[in-house]
């Protein structure tokens, strides 16, 4: 087996490695902390908020059905007058 020969790096690559070293100094989260942050972001809604969301959906459905009923009644009126 032949010995490994090391050669000096050019100056341009030194600047690159210095930038990488600076990036490596950023704080890292443990897996446990990262999962906790993700779970907190998806935290369950309070019961009141869940009810508010359901009421909002039902209100939108009522408005849609009301508009549909008005269109049908108008169509039936036009059909009777012909």
PDB file of N, CA and C in Angstrom:
ATOM      1  N   UNK A   1       0.845  -1.163   0.000  1.00  0.00           N
ATOM      2  CA  UNK A   1       0.000   0.000   0.000  1.00  0.00           C
ATOM      3  C   UNK A   1       0.894   1.231   0.000  1.00  0.00           C
ATOM      4  N   UNK A   2       0.579   2.181  -0.874  1.00  0.00           N
ATOM      5  CA  UNK A   2       1.411   3.379  -0.958  1.00  0.00           C
ATOM      6  C   UNK A   2       0.920   4.432   0.037  1.00  0.00           C
ATOM      7  N   UNK A   3       1.800   5.280   0.529  1.00  0.00           N
ATOM      8  CA  UNK A   3       1.400   6.321   1.477  1.00  0.00           C
ATOM      9  C   UNK A   3       0.541   7.380   0.781  1.00  0.00           C
ATOM     10  N   UNK A   4      -0.373   7.979   1.534  1.00  0.00           N
ATOM     11  CA  UNK A   4      -1.236   9.026   0.985  1.00  0.00           C
ATOM     12  C   UNK A   4      -0.480  10.335   1.009  1.00  0.00           C
ATOM     13  N   UNK A   5      -0.470  10.990  -0.126  1.00  0.00           N
ATOM     14  CA  UNK A   5       0.232  12.267  -0.237  1.00  0.00           C
ATOM     15  C   UNK A   5      -0.780  13.405  -0.083  1.00  0.00           C
ATOM     16  N   UNK A   6      -0.521  14.317   0.831  1.00  0.00           N
ATOM     17  CA  UNK A   6      -1.372  15.490   1.007  1.00  0.00           C
ATOM     18  C   UNK A   6      -0.741  16.659   0.295  1.00  0.00           C
ATOM     19  N   UNK A   7      -1.561  17.466  -0.337  1.00  0.00           N
ATOM     20  CA  UNK A   7      -1.043  18.652  -1.008  1.00  0.00           C
ATOM     21  C   UNK A   7      -1.786  19.866  -0.467  1.00  0.00           C
ATOM     22  N   UNK A   8      -1.184  21.019  -0.486  1.00  0.00           N
ATOM     23  CA  UNK A   8      -1.830  22.218   0.056  1.00  0.00           C
ATOM     24  C   UNK A   8      -3.029  22.623  -0.808  1.00  0.00           C
ATOM     25  N   UNK A   9      -4.029  23.189  -0.148  1.00  0.00           N
ATOM     26  CA  UNK A   9      -5.219  23.653  -0.855  1.00  0.00           C
ATOM     27  C   UNK A   9      -4.985  25.037  -1.434  1.00  0.00           C
ATOM     28  N   UNK A  10      -5.573  25.348  -2.589  1.00  0.00           N
ATOM     29  CA  UNK A  10      -5.459  26.697  -3.130  1.00  0.00           C
ATOM     30  C   UNK A  10      -6.221  27.692  -2.247  1.00  0.00           C
ATOM     31  N   UNK A  11      -5.900  28.956  -2.360  1.00  0.00           N
ATOM     32  CA  UNK A  11      -6.486  30.000  -1.515  1.00  0.00           C
ATOM     33  C   UNK A  11      -8.001  30.083  -1.697  1.00  0.00           C
ATOM     34  N   UNK A  12      -8.512  29.852  -2.904  1.00  0.00           N
ATOM     35  CA  UNK A  12      -9.958  29.949  -3.136  1.00  0.00           C
ATOM     36  C   UNK A  12     -10.713  28.897  -2.328  1.00  0.00           C
ATOM     37  N   UNK A  13     -10.157  27.729  -2.188  1.00  0.00           N
ATOM     38  CA  UNK A  13     -10.849  26.699  -1.414  1.00  0.00           C
ATOM     39  C   UNK A  13     -10.737  26.978   0.078  1.00  0.00           C
ATOM     40  N   UNK A  14      -9.709  27.683   0.502  1.00  0.00           N
ATOM     41  CA  UNK A  14      -9.604  28.050   1.910  1.00  0.00           C
ATOM     42  C   UNK A  14     -10.744  28.973   2.307  1.00  0.00           C
ATOM     43  N   UNK A  15     -11.060  29.930   1.430  1.00  0.00           N
ATOM     44  CA  UNK A  15     -12.181  30.825   1.724  1.00  0.00           C
ATOM     45  C   UNK A  15     -13.480  30.036   1.810  1.00  0.00           C
ATOM     46  N   UNK A  16     -13.632  29.056   0.954  1.00  0.00           N
ATOM     47  CA  UNK A  16     -14.836  28.232   0.966  1.00  0.00           C
ATOM     48  C   UNK A  16     -14.925  27.446   2.263  1.00  0.00           C
ATOM     49  N   UNK A  17     -13.815  26.869   2.694  1.00  0.00           N
ATOM     50  CA  UNK A  17     -13.854  26.086   3.925  1.00  0.00           C
ATOM     51  C   UNK A  17     -14.076  26.983   5.129  1.00  0.00           C
ATOM     52  N   UNK A  18     -13.608  28.218   5.097  1.00  0.00           N
ATOM     53  CA  UNK A  18     -13.869  29.135   6.206  1.00  0.00           C
ATOM     54  C   UNK A  18     -15.360  29.450   6.285  1.00  0.00           C
ATOM     55  N   UNK A  19     -16.006  29.598   5.129  1.00  0.00           N
ATOM     56  CA  UNK A  19     -17.452  29.831   5.101  1.00  0.00           C
ATOM     57  C   UNK A  19     -18.213  28.637   5.632  1.00  0.00           C
ATOM     58  N   UNK A  20     -17.742  27.435   5.299  1.00  0.00           N
ATOM     59  CA  UNK A  20     -18.395  26.231   5.804  1.00  0.00           C
ATOM     60  C   UNK A  20     -18.224  26.103   7.306  1.00  0.00           C
ATOM     61  N   UNK A  21     -17.059  26.502   7.800  1.00  0.00           N
ATOM     62  CA  UNK A  21     -16.832  26.437   9.242  1.00  0.00           C
ATOM     63  C   UNK A  21     -17.781  27.387   9.960  1.00  0.00           C
ATOM     64  N   UNK A  22     -18.042  28.545   9.373  1.00  0.00           N
ATOM     65  CA  UNK A  22     -18.965  29.495   9.987  1.00  0.00           C
ATOM     66  C   UNK A  22     -20.379  28.927   9.989  1.00  0.00           C
ATOM     67  N   UNK A  23     -20.740  28.215   8.943  1.00  0.00           N
ATOM     68  CA  UNK A  23     -22.068  27.617   8.892  1.00  0.00           C
ATOM     69  C   UNK A  23     -22.191  26.490   9.910  1.00  0.00           C
ATOM     70  N   UNK A  24     -21.098  25.798  10.180  1.00  0.00           N
ATOM     71  CA  UNK A  24     -21.142  24.681  11.109  1.00  0.00           C
ATOM     72  C   UNK A  24     -21.333  25.146  12.546  1.00  0.00           C
ATOM     73  N   UNK A  25     -21.076  26.423  12.835  1.00  0.00           N
ATOM     74  CA  UNK A  25     -21.220  26.948  14.188  1.00  0.00           C
ATOM     75  C   UNK A  25     -22.667  27.278  14.537  1.00  0.00           C
ATOM     76  N   UNK A  26     -23.599  27.113  13.624  1.00  0.00           N
ATOM     77  CA  UNK A  26     -24.996  27.416  13.927  1.00  0.00           C
ATOM     78  C   UNK A  26     -25.530  26.403  14.923  1.00  0.00           C
ATOM     79  N   UNK A  27     -26.401  26.849  15.825  1.00  0.00           N
ATOM     80  CA  UNK A  27     -26.932  25.909  16.822  1.00  0.00           C
ATOM     81  C   UNK A  27     -27.822  24.862  16.165  1.00  0.00           C
ATOM     82  N   UNK A  28     -27.736  23.664  16.675  1.00  0.00           N
ATOM     83  CA  UNK A  28     -28.529  22.567  16.126  1.00  0.00           C
ATOM     84  C   UNK A  28     -29.502  22.091  17.193  1.00  0.00           C
ATOM     85  N   UNK A  29     -30.707  21.751  16.759  1.00  0.00           N
ATOM     86  CA  UNK A  29     -31.711  21.221  17.668  1.00  0.00           C
ATOM     87  C   UNK A  29     -31.576  19.710  17.757  1.00  0.00           C
ATOM     88  N   UNK A  30     -31.869  19.194  18.919  1.00  0.00           N
ATOM     89  CA  UNK A  30     -31.919  17.741  19.029  1.00  0.00           C
ATOM     90  C   UNK A  30     -33.198  17.268  18.352  1.00  0.00           C
ATOM     91  N   UNK A  31     -33.257  16.019  18.042  1.00  0.00           N
ATOM     92  CA  UNK A  31     -34.446  15.461  17.399  1.00  0.00           C
ATOM     93  C   UNK A  31     -35.656  15.659  18.300  1.00  0.00           C
ATOM     94  N   UNK A  32     -35.456  15.472  19.587  1.00  0.00           N
ATOM     95  CA  UNK A  32     -36.560  15.622  20.542  1.00  0.00           C
ATOM     96  C   UNK A  32     -37.111  17.050  20.536  1.00  0.00           C
ATOM     97  N   UNK A  33     -36.211  18.037  20.534  1.00  0.00           N
ATOM     98  CA  UNK A  33     -36.653  19.431  20.526  1.00  0.00           C
ATOM     99  C   UNK A  33     -37.324  19.795  19.205  1.00  0.00           C
ATOM    100  N   UNK A  34     -36.793  19.265  18.103  1.00  0.00           N
ATOM    101  CA  UNK A  34     -37.397  19.547  16.795  1.00  0.00           C
ATOM    102  C   UNK A  34     -38.804  18.973  16.722  1.00  0.00           C
ATOM    103  N   UNK A  35     -38.982  17.745  17.215  1.00  0.00           N
ATOM    104  CA  UNK A  35     -40.313  17.140  17.217  1.00  0.00           C
ATOM    105  C   UNK A  35     -41.267  17.915  18.111  1.00  0.00           C
ATOM    106  N   UNK A  36     -40.771  18.398  19.246  1.00  0.00           N
ATOM    107  CA  UNK A  36     -41.610  19.183  20.149  1.00  0.00           C
ATOM    108  C   UNK A  36     -42.089  20.462  19.460  1.00  0.00           C
ATOM    109  N   UNK A  37     -41.187  21.120  18.728  1.00  0.00           N
ATOM    110  CA  UNK A  37     -41.578  22.334  18.004  1.00  0.00           C
ATOM    111  C   UNK A  37     -42.639  22.027  16.952  1.00  0.00           C
ATOM    112  N   UNK A  38     -42.461  20.920  16.243  1.00  0.00           N
ATOM    113  CA  UNK A  38     -43.445  20.542  15.229  1.00  0.00           C
ATOM    114  C   UNK A  38     -44.792  20.216  15.867  1.00  0.00           C
ATOM    115  N   UNK A  39     -44.766  19.513  16.973  1.00  0.00           N
ATOM    116  CA  UNK A  39     -46.019  19.150  17.647  1.00  0.00           C
ATOM    117  C   UNK A  39     -46.708  20.377  18.219  1.00  0.00           C
ATOM    118  N   UNK A  40     -45.941  21.322  18.748  1.00  0.00           N
ATOM    119  CA  UNK A  40     -46.534  22.540  19.290  1.00  0.00           C
ATOM    120  C   UNK A  40     -47.203  23.358  18.198  1.00  0.00           C
ATOM    121  N   UNK A  41     -46.627  23.331  16.998  1.00  0.00           N
ATOM    122  CA  UNK A  41     -47.216  24.065  15.878  1.00  0.00           C
ATOM    123  C   UNK A  41     -48.557  23.453  15.487  1.00  0.00           C
ATOM    124  N   UNK A  42     -48.697  22.146  15.668  1.00  0.00           N
ATOM    125  CA  UNK A  42     -49.938  21.446  15.337  1.00  0.00           C
ATOM    126  C   UNK A  42     -50.756  21.142  16.593  1.00  0.00           C
ATOM    127  N   UNK A  43     -50.612  21.988  17.585  1.00  0.00           N
ATOM    128  CA  UNK A  43     -51.293  21.740  18.861  1.00  0.00           C
ATOM    129  C   UNK A  43     -52.806  21.678  18.641  1.00  0.00           C
ATOM    130  N   UNK A  44     -53.476  20.835  19.406  1.00  0.00           N
ATOM    131  CA  UNK A  44     -54.925  20.724  19.247  1.00  0.00           C
ATOM    132  C   UNK A  44     -55.617  22.033  19.607  1.00  0.00           C
ATOM    133  N   UNK A  45     -56.693  22.303  18.892  1.00  0.00           N
ATOM    134  CA  UNK A  45     -57.453  23.527  19.134  1.00  0.00           C
ATOM    135  C   UNK A  45     -58.297  23.349  20.385  1.00  0.00           C
ATOM    136  N   UNK A  46     -58.599  24.457  21.017  1.00  0.00           N
ATOM    137  CA  UNK A  46     -59.461  24.385  22.183  1.00  0.00           C
ATOM    138  C   UNK A  46     -60.865  23.988  21.734  1.00  0.00           C
ATOM    139  N   UNK A  47     -61.658  23.532  22.677  1.00  0.00           N
ATOM    140  CA  UNK A  47     -63.019  23.089  22.354  1.00  0.00           C
ATOM    141  C   UNK A  47     -63.820  24.250  21.773  1.00  0.00           C
ATOM    142  N   UNK A  48     -63.637  25.433  22.319  1.00  0.00           N
ATOM    143  CA  UNK A  48     -64.351  26.605  21.811  1.00  0.00           C
ATOM    144  C   UNK A  48     -63.979  26.926  20.378  1.00  0.00           C
ATOM    145  N   UNK A  49     -62.693  26.836  20.070  1.00  0.00           N
ATOM    146  CA  UNK A  49     -62.221  27.111  18.710  1.00  0.00           C
ATOM    147  C   UNK A  49     -62.757  26.060  17.745  1.00  0.00           C
ATOM    148  N   UNK A  50     -62.792  24.799  18.170  1.00  0.00           N
ATOM    149  CA  UNK A  50     -63.340  23.745  17.314  1.00  0.00           C
ATOM    150  C   UNK A  50     -64.808  24.004  17.023  1.00  0.00           C
ATOM    151  N   UNK A  51     -65.559  24.405  18.047  1.00  0.00           N
ATOM    152  CA  UNK A  51     -66.982  24.702  17.838  1.00  0.00           C
ATOM    153  C   UNK A  51     -67.159  25.900  16.918  1.00  0.00           C
ATOM    154  N   UNK A  52     -66.330  26.932  17.093  1.00  0.00           N
ATOM    155  CA  UNK A  52     -66.398  28.100  16.214  1.00  0.00           C
ATOM    156  C   UNK A  52     -66.149  27.709  14.765  1.00  0.00           C
ATOM    157  N   UNK A  53     -65.172  26.831  14.545  1.00  0.00           N
ATOM    158  CA  UNK A  53     -64.873  26.383  13.185  1.00  0.00           C
ATOM    159  C   UNK A  53     -66.055  25.607  12.593  1.00  0.00           C
ATOM    160  N   UNK A  54     -66.680  24.741  13.400  1.00  0.00           N
ATOM    161  CA  UNK A  54     -67.829  23.973  12.912  1.00  0.00           C
ATOM    162  C   UNK A  54     -69.005  24.902  12.600  1.00  0.00           C
ATOM    163  N   UNK A  55     -69.222  25.886  13.455  1.00  0.00           N
ATOM    164  CA  UNK A  55     -70.320  26.841  13.233  1.00  0.00           C
ATOM    165  C   UNK A  55     -70.077  27.628  11.952  1.00  0.00           C
ATOM    166  N   UNK A  56     -68.835  28.027  11.723  1.00  0.00           N
ATOM    167  CA  UNK A  56     -68.507  28.774  10.509  1.00  0.00           C
ATOM    168  C   UNK A  56     -68.784  27.937   9.259  1.00  0.00           C
ATOM    169  N   UNK A  57     -68.410  26.667   9.289  1.00  0.00           N
ATOM    170  CA  UNK A  57     -68.656  25.777   8.153  1.00  0.00           C
ATOM    171  C   UNK A  57     -70.166  25.624   7.935  1.00  0.00           C
ATOM    172  N   UNK A  58     -70.912  25.441   9.028  1.00  0.00           N
ATOM    173  CA  UNK A  58     -72.364  25.283   8.901  1.00  0.00           C
ATOM    174  C   UNK A  58     -73.021  26.569   8.398  1.00  0.00           C
ATOM    175  N   UNK A  59     -72.554  27.726   8.845  1.00  0.00           N
ATOM    176  CA  UNK A  59     -73.098  28.996   8.348  1.00  0.00           C
ATOM    177  C   UNK A  59     -72.880  29.139   6.841  1.00  0.00           C
ATOM    178  N   UNK A  60     -71.692  28.745   6.381  1.00  0.00           N
ATOM    179  CA  UNK A  60     -71.422  28.805   4.943  1.00  0.00           C
ATOM    180  C   UNK A  60     -72.348  27.856   4.190  1.00  0.00           C
ATOM    181  N   UNK A  61     -72.590  26.680   4.744  1.00  0.00           N
ATOM    182  CA  UNK A  61     -73.487  25.703   4.110  1.00  0.00           C
ATOM    183  C   UNK A  61     -74.925  26.243   4.065  1.00  0.00           C
ATOM    184  N   UNK A  62     -75.354  26.897   5.137  1.00  0.00           N
ATOM    185  CA  UNK A  62     -76.704  27.484   5.167  1.00  0.00           C
ATOM    186  C   UNK A  62     -76.834  28.552   4.091  1.00  0.00           C
ATOM    187  N   UNK A  63     -75.822  29.404   3.971  1.00  0.00           N
ATOM    188  CA  UNK A  63     -75.860  30.453   2.940  1.00  0.00           C
ATOM    189  C   UNK A  63     -75.927  29.838   1.542  1.00  0.00           C
ATOM    190  N   UNK A  64     -75.157  28.782   1.312  1.00  0.00           N
ATOM    191  CA  UNK A  64     -75.161  28.122   0.005  1.00  0.00           C
ATOM    192  C   UNK A  64     -76.533  27.526  -0.285  1.00  0.00           C
ATOM    193  N   UNK A  65     -77.119  26.861   0.709  1.00  0.00           N
ATOM    194  CA  UNK A  65     -78.429  26.237   0.515  1.00  0.00           C
ATOM    195  C   UNK A  65     -79.530  27.293   0.335  1.00  0.00           C
ATOM    196  N   UNK A  66     -79.417  28.396   1.059  1.00  0.00           N
ATOM    197  CA  UNK A  66     -80.400  29.470   0.923  1.00  0.00           C
ATOM    198  C   UNK A  66     -80.357  30.052  -0.490  1.00  0.00           C
ATOM    199  N   UNK A  67     -79.155  30.271  -0.995  1.00  0.00           N
ATOM    200  CA  UNK A  67     -79.021  30.797  -2.349  1.00  0.00           C
ATOM    201  C   UNK A  67     -79.574  29.809  -3.373  1.00  0.00           C
ATOM    202  N   UNK A  68     -79.329  28.535  -3.152  1.00  0.00           N
ATOM    203  CA  UNK A  68     -79.852  27.516  -4.062  1.00  0.00           C
ATOM    204  C   UNK A  68     -81.379  27.482  -4.015  1.00  0.00           C
ATOM    205  N   UNK A  69     -81.959  27.583  -2.819  1.00  0.00           N
ATOM    206  CA  UNK A  69     -83.420  27.580  -2.681  1.00  0.00           C
ATOM    207  C   UNK A  69     -84.031  28.781  -3.404  1.00  0.00           C
ATOM    208  N   UNK A  70     -83.408  29.951  -3.246  1.00  0.00           N
ATOM    209  CA  UNK A  70     -83.929  31.145  -3.926  1.00  0.00           C
ATOM    210  C   UNK A  70     -83.870  30.988  -5.448  1.00  0.00           C
ATOM    211  N   UNK A  71     -82.803  30.394  -5.962  1.00  0.00           N
ATOM    212  CA  UNK A  71     -82.708  30.166  -7.406  1.00  0.00           C
ATOM    213  C   UNK A  71     -83.798  29.205  -7.873  1.00  0.00           C
ATOM    214  N   UNK A  72     -84.025  28.138  -7.111  1.00  0.00           N
ATOM    215  CA  UNK A  72     -85.059  27.164  -7.485  1.00  0.00           C
ATOM    216  C   UNK A  72     -86.456  27.792  -7.438  1.00  0.00           C
ATOM    217  N   UNK A  73     -86.741  28.579  -6.402  1.00  0.00           N
ATOM    218  CA  UNK A  73     -88.058  29.227  -6.305  1.00  0.00           C
ATOM    219  C   UNK A  73     -88.263  30.203  -7.454  1.00  0.00           C
ATOM    220  N   UNK A  74     -87.219  30.942  -7.796  1.00  0.00           N
ATOM    221  CA  UNK A  74     -87.334  31.878  -8.912  1.00  0.00           C
ATOM    222  C   UNK A  74     -87.575  31.114 -10.207  1.00  0.00           C
ATOM    223  N   UNK A  75     -86.907  30.011 -10.386  1.00  0.00           N
ATOM    224  CA  UNK A  75     -87.085  29.199 -11.582  1.00  0.00           C
ATOM    225  C   UNK A  75     -88.514  28.633 -11.640  1.00  0.00           C
ATOM    226  N   UNK A  76     -89.028  28.175 -10.501  1.00  0.00           N
ATOM    227  CA  UNK A  76     -90.396  27.642 -10.464  1.00  0.00           C
ATOM    228  C   UNK A  76     -91.424  28.727 -10.763  1.00  0.00           C
ATOM    229  N   UNK A  77     -91.206  29.941 -10.257  1.00  0.00           N
ATOM    230  CA  UNK A  77     -92.121  31.054 -10.554  1.00  0.00           C
ATOM    231  C   UNK A  77     -92.137  31.366 -12.050  1.00  0.00           C
ATOM    232  N   UNK A  78     -90.957  31.382 -12.647  1.00  0.00           N
ATOM    233  CA  UNK A  78     -90.886  31.659 -14.079  1.00  0.00           C
ATOM    234  C   UNK A  78     -91.557  30.548 -14.870  1.00  0.00           C
ATOM    235  N   UNK A  79     -91.429  29.322 -14.412  1.00  0.00           N
ATOM    236  CA  UNK A  79     -92.009  28.184 -15.103  1.00  0.00           C
ATOM    237  C   UNK A  79     -93.549  28.233 -15.041  1.00  0.00           C
ATOM    238  N   UNK A  80     -94.119  28.671 -13.900  1.00  0.00           N
ATOM    239  CA  UNK A  80     -95.585  28.753 -13.734  1.00  0.00           C
ATOM    240  C   UNK A  80     -96.184  29.859 -14.585  1.00  0.00           C
ATOM    241  N   UNK A  81     -95.477  30.957 -14.755  1.00  0.00           N
ATOM    242  CA  UNK A  81     -96.029  32.089 -15.501  1.00  0.00           C
ATOM    243  C   UNK A  81     -96.021  31.858 -17.004  1.00  0.00           C
ATOM    244  N   UNK A  82     -95.289  30.907 -17.480  1.00  0.00           N
ATOM    245  CA  UNK A  82     -95.220  30.658 -18.936  1.00  0.00           C
ATOM    246  C   UNK A  82     -96.411  29.893 -19.425  1.00  0.00           C
TER     247      UNK A  82
END
